[in-house]
PDB file of N, CA and C in Angstrom:
ATOM      1  N   TRP A   1       9.837  37.402 113.698  1.00  0.00           N
ATOM      2  CA  TRP A   1       8.540  37.054 113.153  1.00  0.00           C
ATOM      3  C   TRP A   1       8.190  35.579 113.272  1.00  0.00           C
ATOM      4  N   PRO A   2       9.153  34.627 113.309  1.00  0.00           N
ATOM      5  CA  PRO A   2       8.759  33.222 113.477  1.00  0.00           C
ATOM      6  C   PRO A   2       8.053  32.957 114.805  1.00  0.00           C
ATOM      7  N   LEU A   3       8.575  33.535 115.883  1.00  0.00           N
ATOM      8  CA  LEU A   3       7.939  33.330 117.185  1.00  0.00           C
ATOM      9  C   LEU A   3       6.546  33.943 117.216  1.00  0.00           C
ATOM     10  N   LEU A   4       6.399  35.112 116.630  1.00  0.00           N
ATOM     11  CA  LEU A   4       5.099  35.780 116.590  1.00  0.00           C
ATOM     12  C   LEU A   4       4.081  34.968 115.795  1.00  0.00           C
ATOM     13  N   THR A   5       4.514  34.362 114.699  1.00  0.00           N
ATOM     14  CA  THR A   5       3.625  33.528 113.890  1.00  0.00           C
ATOM     15  C   THR A   5       3.126  32.329 114.683  1.00  0.00           C
ATOM     16  N   VAL A   6       4.042  31.641 115.340  1.00  0.00           N
ATOM     17  CA  VAL A   6       3.667  30.454 116.117  1.00  0.00           C
ATOM     18  C   VAL A   6       2.772  30.838 117.290  1.00  0.00           C
ATOM     19  N   LEU A   7       3.105  31.913 117.990  1.00  0.00           N
ATOM     20  CA  LEU A   7       2.291  32.346 119.130  1.00  0.00           C
ATOM     21  C   LEU A   7       0.895  32.789 118.706  1.00  0.00           C
ATOM     22  N   CYS A   8       0.783  33.495 117.588  1.00  0.00           N
ATOM     23  CA  CYS A   8      -0.540  33.935 117.119  1.00  0.00           C
ATOM     24  C   CYS A   8      -1.405  32.749 116.713  1.00  0.00           C
ATOM     25  N   ALA A   9      -0.815  31.769 116.024  1.00  0.00           N
ATOM     26  CA  ALA A   9      -1.585  30.592 115.619  1.00  0.00           C
ATOM     27  C   ALA A   9      -2.028  29.785 116.835  1.00  0.00           C
ATOM     28  N   ALA A  10      -1.127  29.575 117.785  1.00  0.00           N
ATOM     29  CA  ALA A  10      -1.491  28.835 118.997  1.00  0.00           C
ATOM     30  C   ALA A  10      -2.507  29.614 119.827  1.00  0.00           C
ATOM     31  N   GLY A  11      -2.355  30.924 119.901  1.00  0.00           N
ATOM     32  CA  GLY A  11      -3.319  31.755 120.629  1.00  0.00           C
ATOM     33  C   GLY A  11      -4.696  31.722 119.999  1.00  0.00           C
ATOM     34  N   LEU A  12      -4.748  31.731 118.670  1.00  0.00           N
ATOM     35  CA  LEU A  12      -6.035  31.622 117.982  1.00  0.00           C
ATOM     36  C   LEU A  12      -6.685  30.275 118.269  1.00  0.00           C
ATOM     37  N   GLY A  13      -5.879  29.214 118.278  1.00  0.00           N
ATOM     38  CA  GLY A  13      -6.409  27.896 118.621  1.00  0.00           C
ATOM     39  C   GLY A  13      -6.949  27.848 120.037  1.00  0.00           C
ATOM     40  N   LEU A  14      -6.219  28.432 120.984  1.00  0.00           N
ATOM     41  CA  LEU A  14      -6.697  28.480 122.371  1.00  0.00           C
ATOM     42  C   LEU A  14      -7.973  29.305 122.497  1.00  0.00           C
ATOM     43  N   LEU A  15      -8.060  30.389 121.739  1.00  0.00           N
ATOM     44  CA  LEU A  15      -9.259  31.229 121.763  1.00  0.00           C
ATOM     45  C   LEU A  15     -10.470  30.474 121.218  1.00  0.00           C
ATOM     46  N   ILE A  16     -10.273  29.721 120.147  1.00  0.00           N
ATOM     47  CA  ILE A  16     -11.370  28.931 119.581  1.00  0.00           C
ATOM     48  C   ILE A  16     -11.829  27.879 120.578  1.00  0.00           C
ATOM     49  N   VAL A  17     -10.887  27.216 121.242  1.00  0.00           N
ATOM     50  CA  VAL A  17     -11.259  26.205 122.239  1.00  0.00           C
ATOM     51  C   VAL A  17     -11.982  26.850 123.415  1.00  0.00           C
ATOM     52  N   ALA A  18     -11.518  27.998 123.866  1.00  0.00           N
ATOM     53  CA  ALA A  18     -12.104  28.649 125.041  1.00  0.00           C
ATOM     54  C   ALA A  18     -13.499  29.187 124.768  1.00  0.00           C
ATOM     55  N   LEU A  19     -13.693  29.807 123.613  1.00  0.00           N
ATOM     56  CA  LEU A  19     -14.988  30.423 123.320  1.00  0.00           C
ATOM     57  C   LEU A  19     -16.022  29.431 122.805  1.00  0.00           C
ATOM     58  N   ASP A  20     -15.567  28.336 122.195  1.00  0.00           N
ATOM     59  CA  ASP A  20     -16.453  27.298 121.661  1.00  0.00           C
ATOM     60  C   ASP A  20     -17.553  27.896 120.784  1.00  0.00           C
ATOM     61  N   PRO A  21     -17.182  28.619 119.700  1.00  0.00           N
ATOM     62  CA  PRO A  21     -18.186  29.332 118.906  1.00  0.00           C
ATOM     63  C   PRO A  21     -19.014  28.459 117.966  1.00  0.00           C
ATOM     64  N   PHE A  22     -18.582  27.225 117.705  1.00  0.00           N
ATOM     65  CA  PHE A  22     -19.313  26.362 116.780  1.00  0.00           C
ATOM     66  C   PHE A  22     -19.106  24.911 117.191  1.00  0.00           C
ATOM     67  N   ASP A  23     -19.869  24.034 116.544  1.00  0.00           N
ATOM     68  CA  ASP A  23     -19.759  22.612 116.833  1.00  0.00           C
ATOM     69  C   ASP A  23     -18.368  22.113 116.434  1.00  0.00           C
ATOM     70  N   GLN A  24     -17.790  21.236 117.227  1.00  0.00           N
ATOM     71  CA  GLN A  24     -16.455  20.683 117.005  1.00  0.00           C
ATOM     72  C   GLN A  24     -15.352  21.740 117.116  1.00  0.00           C
ATOM     73  N   ALA A  25     -15.602  22.826 117.821  1.00  0.00           N
ATOM     74  CA  ALA A  25     -14.605  23.894 117.958  1.00  0.00           C
ATOM     75  C   ALA A  25     -13.382  23.416 118.732  1.00  0.00           C
ATOM     76  N   PHE A  26     -13.583  22.529 119.707  1.00  0.00           N
ATOM     77  CA  PHE A  26     -12.436  22.020 120.459  1.00  0.00           C
ATOM     78  C   PHE A  26     -11.468  21.284 119.544  1.00  0.00           C
ATOM     79  N   ARG A  27     -12.022  20.564 118.579  1.00  0.00           N
ATOM     80  CA  ARG A  27     -11.189  19.792 117.656  1.00  0.00           C
ATOM     81  C   ARG A  27     -10.424  20.719 116.710  1.00  0.00           C
ATOM     82  N   VAL A  28     -11.118  21.711 116.164  1.00  0.00           N
ATOM     83  CA  VAL A  28     -10.483  22.665 115.251  1.00  0.00           C
ATOM     84  C   VAL A  28      -9.410  23.467 115.985  1.00  0.00           C
ATOM     85  N   GLY A  29      -9.702  23.885 117.209  1.00  0.00           N
ATOM     86  CA  GLY A  29      -8.737  24.655 117.983  1.00  0.00           C
ATOM     87  C   GLY A  29      -7.490  23.862 118.322  1.00  0.00           C
ATOM     88  N   THR A  30      -7.662  22.609 118.722  1.00  0.00           N
ATOM     89  CA  THR A  30      -6.486  21.808 119.061  1.00  0.00           C
ATOM     90  C   THR A  30      -5.683  21.435 117.819  1.00  0.00           C
ATOM     91  N   ILE A  31      -6.352  21.244 116.694  1.00  0.00           N
ATOM     92  CA  ILE A  31      -5.620  21.012 115.446  1.00  0.00           C
ATOM     93  C   ILE A  31      -4.811  22.252 115.087  1.00  0.00           C
ATOM     94  N   LEU A  32      -5.375  23.419 115.327  1.00  0.00           N
ATOM     95  CA  LEU A  32      -4.652  24.663 115.063  1.00  0.00           C
ATOM     96  C   LEU A  32      -3.442  24.811 115.994  1.00  0.00           C
ATOM     97  N   ILE A  33      -3.591  24.415 117.240  1.00  0.00           N
ATOM     98  CA  ILE A  33      -2.466  24.464 118.181  1.00  0.00           C
ATOM     99  C   ILE A  33      -1.358  23.504 117.737  1.00  0.00           C
ATOM    100  N   GLY A  34      -1.738  22.283 117.383  1.00  0.00           N
ATOM    101  CA  GLY A  34      -0.743  21.325 116.896  1.00  0.00           C
ATOM    102  C   GLY A  34      -0.099  21.781 115.600  1.00  0.00           C
ATOM    103  N   GLY A  35      -0.900  22.378 114.721  1.00  0.00           N
ATOM    104  CA  GLY A  35      -0.349  22.912 113.476  1.00  0.00           C
ATOM    105  C   GLY A  35       0.633  24.044 113.722  1.00  0.00           C
ATOM    106  N   ALA A  36       0.376  24.832 114.749  1.00  0.00           N
ATOM    107  CA  ALA A  36       1.309  25.909 115.100  1.00  0.00           C
ATOM    108  C   ALA A  36       2.650  25.331 115.547  1.00  0.00           C
ATOM    109  N   LEU A  37       2.617  24.249 116.315  1.00  0.00           N
ATOM    110  CA  LEU A  37       3.874  23.616 116.731  1.00  0.00           C
ATOM    111  C   LEU A  37       4.611  23.006 115.542  1.00  0.00           C
ATOM    112  N   ILE A  38       3.868  22.393 114.628  1.00  0.00           N
ATOM    113  CA  ILE A  38       4.497  21.844 113.423  1.00  0.00           C
ATOM    114  C   ILE A  38       5.081  22.969 112.577  1.00  0.00           C
ATOM    115  N   ALA A  39       4.360  24.079 112.481  1.00  0.00           N
ATOM    116  CA  ALA A  39       4.890  25.243 111.758  1.00  0.00           C
ATOM    117  C   ALA A  39       6.146  25.770 112.441  1.00  0.00           C
ATOM    118  N   GLY A  40       6.181  25.727 113.764  1.00  0.00           N
ATOM    119  CA  GLY A  40       7.382  26.128 114.490  1.00  0.00           C
ATOM    120  C   GLY A  40       8.568  25.233 114.161  1.00  0.00           C
ATOM    121  N   ALA A  41       8.308  23.929 114.016  1.00  0.00           N
ATOM    122  CA  ALA A  41       9.384  23.011 113.634  1.00  0.00           C
ATOM    123  C   ALA A  41       9.889  23.317 112.231  1.00  0.00           C
ATOM    124  N   VAL A  42       8.962  23.579 111.315  1.00  0.00           N
ATOM    125  CA  VAL A  42       9.355  23.901 109.940  1.00  0.00           C
ATOM    126  C   VAL A  42      10.134  25.215 109.899  1.00  0.00           C
ATOM    127  N   LEU A  43       9.657  26.215 110.627  1.00  0.00           N
ATOM    128  CA  LEU A  43      10.367  27.493 110.665  1.00  0.00           C
ATOM    129  C   LEU A  43      11.754  27.337 111.285  1.00  0.00           C
ATOM    130  N   ARG A  44      11.860  26.515 112.308  1.00  0.00           N
ATOM    131  CA  ARG A  44      13.163  26.291 112.958  1.00  0.00           C
ATOM    132  C   ARG A  44      14.129  25.619 112.001  1.00  0.00           C
ATOM    133  N   TRP A  45      13.602  24.793 111.095  1.00  0.00           N
ATOM    134  CA  TRP A  45      14.429  24.079 110.131  1.00  0.00           C
ATOM    135  C   TRP A  45      14.846  24.981 108.971  1.00  0.00           C
ATOM    136  N   VAL A  46      13.922  25.818 108.496  1.00  0.00           N
ATOM    137  CA  VAL A  46      14.140  26.582 107.272  1.00  0.00           C
ATOM    138  C   VAL A  46      14.813  27.931 107.529  1.00  0.00           C
ATOM    139  N   VAL A  47      14.331  28.666 108.512  1.00  0.00           N
ATOM    140  CA  VAL A  47      14.817  30.029 108.745  1.00  0.00           C
ATOM    141  C   VAL A  47      16.129  29.967 109.531  1.00  0.00           C
ATOM    142  N   PRO A  48      17.175  30.650 109.062  1.00  0.00           N
ATOM    143  CA  PRO A  48      18.463  30.554 109.754  1.00  0.00           C
ATOM    144  C   PRO A  48      18.475  31.185 111.151  1.00  0.00           C
ATOM    145  N   SER A  49      17.772  32.294 111.339  1.00  0.00           N
ATOM    146  CA  SER A  49      17.749  32.948 112.644  1.00  0.00           C
ATOM    147  C   SER A  49      16.295  33.116 113.076  1.00  0.00           C
ATOM    148  N   VAL A  50      15.877  32.343 114.074  1.00  0.00           N
ATOM    149  CA  VAL A  50      14.478  32.367 114.501  1.00  0.00           C
ATOM    150  C   VAL A  50      14.291  33.075 115.835  1.00  0.00           C
ATOM    151  N   GLY A  51      15.336  33.673 116.357  1.00  0.00           N
ATOM    152  CA  GLY A  51      15.215  34.433 117.600  1.00  0.00           C
ATOM    153  C   GLY A  51      14.884  33.551 118.786  1.00  0.00           C
ATOM    154  N   MET A  52      13.847  33.935 119.530  1.00  0.00           N
ATOM    155  CA  MET A  52      13.493  33.232 120.763  1.00  0.00           C
ATOM    156  C   MET A  52      12.774  31.911 120.525  1.00  0.00           C
ATOM    157  N   LEU A  53      12.458  31.589 119.261  1.00  0.00           N
ATOM    158  CA  LEU A  53      11.874  30.282 118.956  1.00  0.00           C
ATOM    159  C   LEU A  53      12.915  29.178 119.157  1.00  0.00           C
ATOM    160  N   ALA A  54      14.183  29.523 119.080  1.00  0.00           N
ATOM    161  CA  ALA A  54      15.265  28.566 119.306  1.00  0.00           C
ATOM    162  C   ALA A  54      15.474  28.398 120.810  1.00  0.00           C
ATOM    163  N   VAL A  55      15.214  27.201 121.303  1.00  0.00           N
ATOM    164  CA  VAL A  55      15.361  26.933 122.732  1.00  0.00           C
ATOM    165  C   VAL A  55      16.634  26.141 122.987  1.00  0.00           C
ATOM    166  N   ARG A  56      16.800  25.059 122.282  1.00  0.00           N
ATOM    167  CA  ARG A  56      17.988  24.206 122.414  1.00  0.00           C
ATOM    168  C   ARG A  56      18.687  24.155 121.059  1.00  0.00           C
ATOM    169  N   SER A  57      19.300  23.036 120.759  1.00  0.00           N
ATOM    170  CA  SER A  57      19.921  22.878 119.447  1.00  0.00           C
ATOM    171  C   SER A  57      18.825  22.743 118.387  1.00  0.00           C
ATOM    172  N   ARG A  58      19.194  22.945 117.133  1.00  0.00           N
ATOM    173  CA  ARG A  58      18.218  22.871 116.041  1.00  0.00           C
ATOM    174  C   ARG A  58      17.553  21.497 116.003  1.00  0.00           C
ATOM    175  N   PHE A  59      18.336  20.431 116.146  1.00  0.00           N
ATOM    176  CA  PHE A  59      17.788  19.082 116.101  1.00  0.00           C
ATOM    177  C   PHE A  59      16.795  18.841 117.236  1.00  0.00           C
ATOM    178  N   THR A  60      17.144  19.247 118.440  1.00  0.00           N
ATOM    179  CA  THR A  60      16.258  19.059 119.592  1.00  0.00           C
ATOM    180  C   THR A  60      14.955  19.828 119.409  1.00  0.00           C
ATOM    181  N   ASP A  61      15.046  21.060 118.925  1.00  0.00           N
ATOM    182  CA  ASP A  61      13.833  21.846 118.685  1.00  0.00           C
ATOM    183  C   ASP A  61      12.967  21.212 117.608  1.00  0.00           C
ATOM    184  N   LEU A  62      13.589  20.735 116.527  1.00  0.00           N
ATOM    185  CA  LEU A  62      12.823  20.092 115.457  1.00  0.00           C
ATOM    186  C   LEU A  62      12.076  18.870 115.973  1.00  0.00           C
ATOM    187  N   VAL A  63      12.770  18.028 116.709  1.00  0.00           N
ATOM    188  CA  VAL A  63      12.141  16.808 117.218  1.00  0.00           C
ATOM    189  C   VAL A  63      11.042  17.149 118.219  1.00  0.00           C
ATOM    190  N   THR A  64      11.316  18.055 119.132  1.00  0.00           N
ATOM    191  CA  THR A  64      10.332  18.403 120.161  1.00  0.00           C
ATOM    192  C   THR A  64       9.089  19.034 119.557  1.00  0.00           C
ATOM    193  N   TYR A  65       9.268  20.079 118.755  1.00  0.00           N
ATOM    194  CA  TYR A  65       8.117  20.742 118.134  1.00  0.00           C
ATOM    195  C   TYR A  65       7.365  19.788 117.213  1.00  0.00           C
ATOM    196  N   GLY A  66       8.096  19.020 116.427  1.00  0.00           N
ATOM    197  CA  GLY A  66       7.455  18.119 115.471  1.00  0.00           C
ATOM    198  C   GLY A  66       6.656  17.013 116.128  1.00  0.00           C
ATOM    199  N   VAL A  67       7.259  16.358 117.121  1.00  0.00           N
ATOM    200  CA  VAL A  67       6.573  15.246 117.794  1.00  0.00           C
ATOM    201  C   VAL A  67       5.369  15.752 118.585  1.00  0.00           C
ATOM    202  N   MET A  68       5.551  16.826 119.336  1.00  0.00           N
ATOM    203  CA  MET A  68       4.433  17.349 120.125  1.00  0.00           C
ATOM    204  C   MET A  68       3.298  17.846 119.229  1.00  0.00           C
ATOM    205  N   GLY A  69       3.630  18.543 118.150  1.00  0.00           N
ATOM    206  CA  GLY A  69       2.601  19.018 117.228  1.00  0.00           C
ATOM    207  C   GLY A  69       1.850  17.874 116.573  1.00  0.00           C
ATOM    208  N   THR A  70       2.583  16.850 116.143  1.00  0.00           N
ATOM    209  CA  THR A  70       1.948  15.690 115.513  1.00  0.00           C
ATOM    210  C   THR A  70       1.053  14.954 116.498  1.00  0.00           C
ATOM    211  N   LEU A  71       1.512  14.772 117.731  1.00  0.00           N
ATOM    212  CA  LEU A  71       0.687  14.093 118.735  1.00  0.00           C
ATOM    213  C   LEU A  71      -0.579  14.880 119.057  1.00  0.00           C
ATOM    214  N   ILE A  72      -0.469  16.188 119.167  1.00  0.00           N
ATOM    215  CA  ILE A  72      -1.650  17.005 119.458  1.00  0.00           C
ATOM    216  C   ILE A  72      -2.656  16.910 118.318  1.00  0.00           C
ATOM    217  N   VAL A  73      -2.185  16.967 117.072  1.00  0.00           N
ATOM    218  CA  VAL A  73      -3.095  16.854 115.927  1.00  0.00           C
ATOM    219  C   VAL A  73      -3.744  15.476 115.895  1.00  0.00           C
ATOM    220  N   LEU A  74      -2.963  14.414 116.098  1.00  0.00           N
ATOM    221  CA  LEU A  74      -3.534  13.068 116.076  1.00  0.00           C
ATOM    222  C   LEU A  74      -4.536  12.858 117.207  1.00  0.00           C
ATOM    223  N   LEU A  75      -4.227  13.351 118.399  1.00  0.00           N
ATOM    224  CA  LEU A  75      -5.177  13.218 119.503  1.00  0.00           C
ATOM    225  C   LEU A  75      -6.452  14.010 119.248  1.00  0.00           C
ATOM    226  N   ALA A  76      -6.334  15.154 118.592  1.00  0.00           N
ATOM    227  CA  ALA A  76      -7.530  15.928 118.253  1.00  0.00           C
ATOM    228  C   ALA A  76      -8.375  15.192 117.220  1.00  0.00           C
ATOM    229  N   LEU A  77      -7.735  14.483 116.308  1.00  0.00           N
ATOM    230  CA  LEU A  77      -8.477  13.776 115.265  1.00  0.00           C
ATOM    231  C   LEU A  77      -9.196  12.537 115.784  1.00  0.00           C
ATOM    232  N   VAL A  78      -8.665  11.887 116.816  1.00  0.00           N
ATOM    233  CA  VAL A  78      -9.299  10.667 117.325  1.00  0.00           C
ATOM    234  C   VAL A  78     -10.125  10.905 118.584  1.00  0.00           C
ATOM    235  N   ALA A  79     -10.268  12.160 119.016  1.00  0.00           N
ATOM    236  CA  ALA A  79     -11.013  12.462 120.244  1.00  0.00           C
ATOM    237  C   ALA A  79     -12.494  12.128 120.083  1.00  0.00           C
ATOM    238  N   GLN A  80     -13.079  11.639 121.154  1.00  0.00           N
ATOM    239  CA  GLN A  80     -14.501  11.322 121.180  1.00  0.00           C
ATOM    240  C   GLN A  80     -15.278  12.561 121.566  1.00  0.00           C
ATOM    241  N   PRO A  81     -16.494  12.741 121.203  1.00  0.00           N
ATOM    242  CA  PRO A  81     -17.360  11.902 120.379  1.00  0.00           C
ATOM    243  C   PRO A  81     -17.157  12.179 118.895  1.00  0.00           C
ATOM    244  N   ALA A  82     -17.535  11.226 118.082  1.00  0.00           N
ATOM    245  CA  ALA A  82     -17.479  11.307 116.619  1.00  0.00           C
ATOM    246  C   ALA A  82     -16.086  11.678 116.118  1.00  0.00           C
ATOM    247  N   PRO A  83     -15.127  10.766 116.273  1.00  0.00           N
ATOM    248  CA  PRO A  83     -13.767  11.075 115.816  1.00  0.00           C
ATOM    249  C   PRO A  83     -13.703  11.257 114.305  1.00  0.00           C
ATOM    250  N   TRP A  84     -12.822  12.146 113.875  1.00  0.00           N
ATOM    251  CA  TRP A  84     -12.623  12.379 112.445  1.00  0.00           C
ATOM    252  C   TRP A  84     -11.703  11.333 111.838  1.00  0.00           C
ATOM    253  N   LEU A  85     -10.913  10.667 112.658  1.00  0.00           N
ATOM    254  CA  LEU A  85      -9.978   9.639 112.210  1.00  0.00           C
ATOM    255  C   LEU A  85     -10.250   8.383 113.018  1.00  0.00           C
ATOM    256  N   ASP A  86     -10.518   7.295 112.325  1.00  0.00           N
ATOM    257  CA  ASP A  86     -10.821   6.041 113.000  1.00  0.00           C
ATOM    258  C   ASP A  86      -9.593   5.136 112.939  1.00  0.00           C
ATOM    259  N   VAL A  87      -9.066   4.787 114.097  1.00  0.00           N
ATOM    260  CA  VAL A  87      -7.919   3.887 114.184  1.00  0.00           C
ATOM    261  C   VAL A  87      -8.419   2.605 114.839  1.00  0.00           C
ATOM    262  N   PRO A  88      -8.604   1.522 114.054  1.00  0.00           N
ATOM    263  CA  PRO A  88      -9.207   0.303 114.600  1.00  0.00           C
ATOM    264  C   PRO A  88      -8.406  -0.330 115.737  1.00  0.00           C
ATOM    265  N   ILE A  89      -7.098  -0.193 115.730  1.00  0.00           N
ATOM    266  CA  ILE A  89      -6.289  -0.830 116.769  1.00  0.00           C
ATOM    267  C   ILE A  89      -6.523  -0.190 118.137  1.00  0.00           C
ATOM    268  N   LEU A  90      -6.990   1.057 118.166  1.00  0.00           N
ATOM    269  CA  LEU A  90      -7.256   1.710 119.449  1.00  0.00           C
ATOM    270  C   LEU A  90      -8.405   1.039 120.190  1.00  0.00           C
ATOM    271  N   GLU A  91      -9.431   0.619 119.465  1.00  0.00           N
ATOM    272  CA  GLU A  91     -10.550  -0.082 120.114  1.00  0.00           C
ATOM    273  C   GLU A  91     -10.073  -1.390 120.727  1.00  0.00           C
ATOM    274  N   ASP A  92      -9.222  -2.119 120.000  1.00  0.00           N
ATOM    275  CA  ASP A  92      -8.690  -3.371 120.533  1.00  0.00           C
ATOM    276  C   ASP A  92      -7.808  -3.118 121.751  1.00  0.00           C
ATOM    277  N   ALA A  93      -7.020  -2.065 121.715  1.00  0.00           N
ATOM    278  CA  ALA A  93      -6.145  -1.754 122.850  1.00  0.00           C
ATOM    279  C   ALA A  93      -6.966  -1.398 124.083  1.00  0.00           C
ATOM    280  N   VAL A  94      -8.017  -0.613 123.898  1.00  0.00           N
ATOM    281  CA  VAL A  94      -8.870  -0.246 125.027  1.00  0.00           C
ATOM    282  C   VAL A  94      -9.587  -1.476 125.561  1.00  0.00           C
ATOM    283  N   ARG A  95     -10.110  -2.304 124.669  1.00  0.00           N
ATOM    284  CA  ARG A  95     -10.805  -3.517 125.091  1.00  0.00           C
ATOM    285  C   ARG A  95      -9.850  -4.445 125.841  1.00  0.00           C
ATOM    286  N   PHE A  96      -8.608  -4.547 125.395  1.00  0.00           N
ATOM    287  CA  PHE A  96      -7.626  -5.414 126.038  1.00  0.00           C
ATOM    288  C   PHE A  96      -7.239  -4.898 127.422  1.00  0.00           C
ATOM    289  N   THR A  97      -7.097  -3.592 127.577  1.00  0.00           N
ATOM    290  CA  THR A  97      -6.663  -3.051 128.865  1.00  0.00           C
ATOM    291  C   THR A  97      -7.784  -3.014 129.895  1.00  0.00           C
ATOM    292  N   ILE A  98      -9.025  -2.936 129.451  1.00  0.00           N
ATOM    293  CA  ILE A  98     -10.145  -2.844 130.393  1.00  0.00           C
ATOM    294  C   ILE A  98     -10.549  -4.211 130.921  1.00  0.00           C
ATOM    295  N   ARG A  99     -10.290  -5.268 130.191  1.00  0.00           N
ATOM    296  CA  ARG A  99     -10.689  -6.605 130.625  1.00  0.00           C
ATOM    297  C   ARG A  99     -10.239  -6.925 131.997  1.00  0.00           C
TER     298      ARG A  99
END
């Protein structure tokens, strides 16, 4: 059931992004995909036997699922146009690299 939970949540996120049923659907869908990966990390940590959700060692799976899920959620929050999360240092970094 852990693998099925993660796959259903990620599939729902992909479906929302693909169908684009409402405004900001891409953002909600990608947050759902990242949340599914974070949920996979939590399930890998808590549940003793996760079946096919276990790819490598427990530590490697936790780090991989956790980091990728967090990055996907953060990128969805700062995506243009009209980001939901404003990170002031990103504007300075872009301005510095484009000069």
